[in-house]
């Protein structure tokens, strides 16, 4: 179910909200959040609810094991078995055909073709996100960072929380544990206005900005081979802003929905296109993922505790795996490696880089990010090579793009993302004024009109 759809806005959300606040106990609210999470998730294909339920039960049982056992051997079994199970499920549904296809391509390249089967697999939406939720819970329980819950319904509500189930942010149990524990005494009036504010801002980001840019970008990139240099830059810049406002919009709506139910979901975007260097970018972009990669991959690999060469190795491994997490395609792996190289270069030459003027560092970082998004958007290396060649080698092109429309939307998107306030900045400066309420209502009405006119569109990160 999509946040930007009438079934969600007109039926699911109002019913879920009203019933939740009418329920008198924490247990009843856990049960209701879990049920509504499964309804939300199963709206497209109910069969995949069984997969999420199985992953939930395995991880919950692991938590009980950590509560029961104190010897290291049994605790390690409780750590390894559920993680291997979760990764096996993710690997089969998301990467099985990718692995088989890669083997077939390699065999073809060395002139020993193989008859490799292809599985008819439908990728369960959001599997990467809820798998990260369960794995982070298991690891944090093993490390004694959190005390595992004995309440199955509380844990099921956490995993299936509809506000962040499909496309994040990746919320660790410890980040909302206190709110979950206090959910029976949550104050509806305390968070209502703030929740609506975040939700409407996120809806505007998605429906008004991202979807309108997508209407220009998608047709242009469908004919990328024939684009001129100007047309290619317009399309790739358009995708740069489309991706940001699409994903930021979803995360901002998730924060707002969390507030509506008394849960404080952490910030996932902090104006990443204002970044001054690669490290700054990853502190701002998809914050929940970058911190998970740091805490569950980079630091366990050794972090920066060894030699400089070992640090670069750990950094590259982390980013390559992070790239693969985004999708079953080698272009994502290369994109992760590309950002790994940027991070390594900045680490090596930080003194020189940081001595440059702020405007130059920000502009240079933005160009590096745009180049990365060309890799990220490409369906294969041929498309990536063509896009990058057209961007940096003057090309006439035969396909026309609506440059006038791009000239309207791109400056607006650039200003908002690179110079304007984000949702949390707006929230910090917010003061209750009648005109603010009118502005929010008008923005929500505009979003409804656009949804009615063009229909709801899925979020880009659904496919990951």
Foldseek 3Di string as FASTA:
>chain_A
DDCLFCCVVPPLVVVLLVVLVVDQFLLVNLQSLLVSLLCLQCVPPNVCSVVLVVLLVLLLVLLVQLVVDDDPVSNVCSLPVSLVVLVVVCCVQFAPQLVQVVVQVVCVVVPNGDDGDHDPHDRRAQSLQLSLQSNLASVCSSVVVDRRDPNSSLSSSVSSRNLARGFDDRFHCVQFVVQSVCLSVFDQVVLQVVLLLLLLQLLCLQQVFLVVLCVQQVVLLVPLLQDFLVSLVLNLLSVVLNQVSLSQSSQSNSQSSCSNSRTHGDHQAFLLLQALALVSNCCGHRVSVSVCLVPVQLVVQPAPPDDLVSNLVSLQVSQLVVQVSQHSAVLSSVLSNLSSVRVSVCVVCVVVSVVDDSVVSSVVVNVSVSLSSLSVPDPHVVSNVSSVCSNPPGGDGDDDGPVVSSVVSSVVSCCCSNPNGDSVVCVVVDDDDPVVVVVSVVSVVVSSVSCVVPNDDDRPSRND
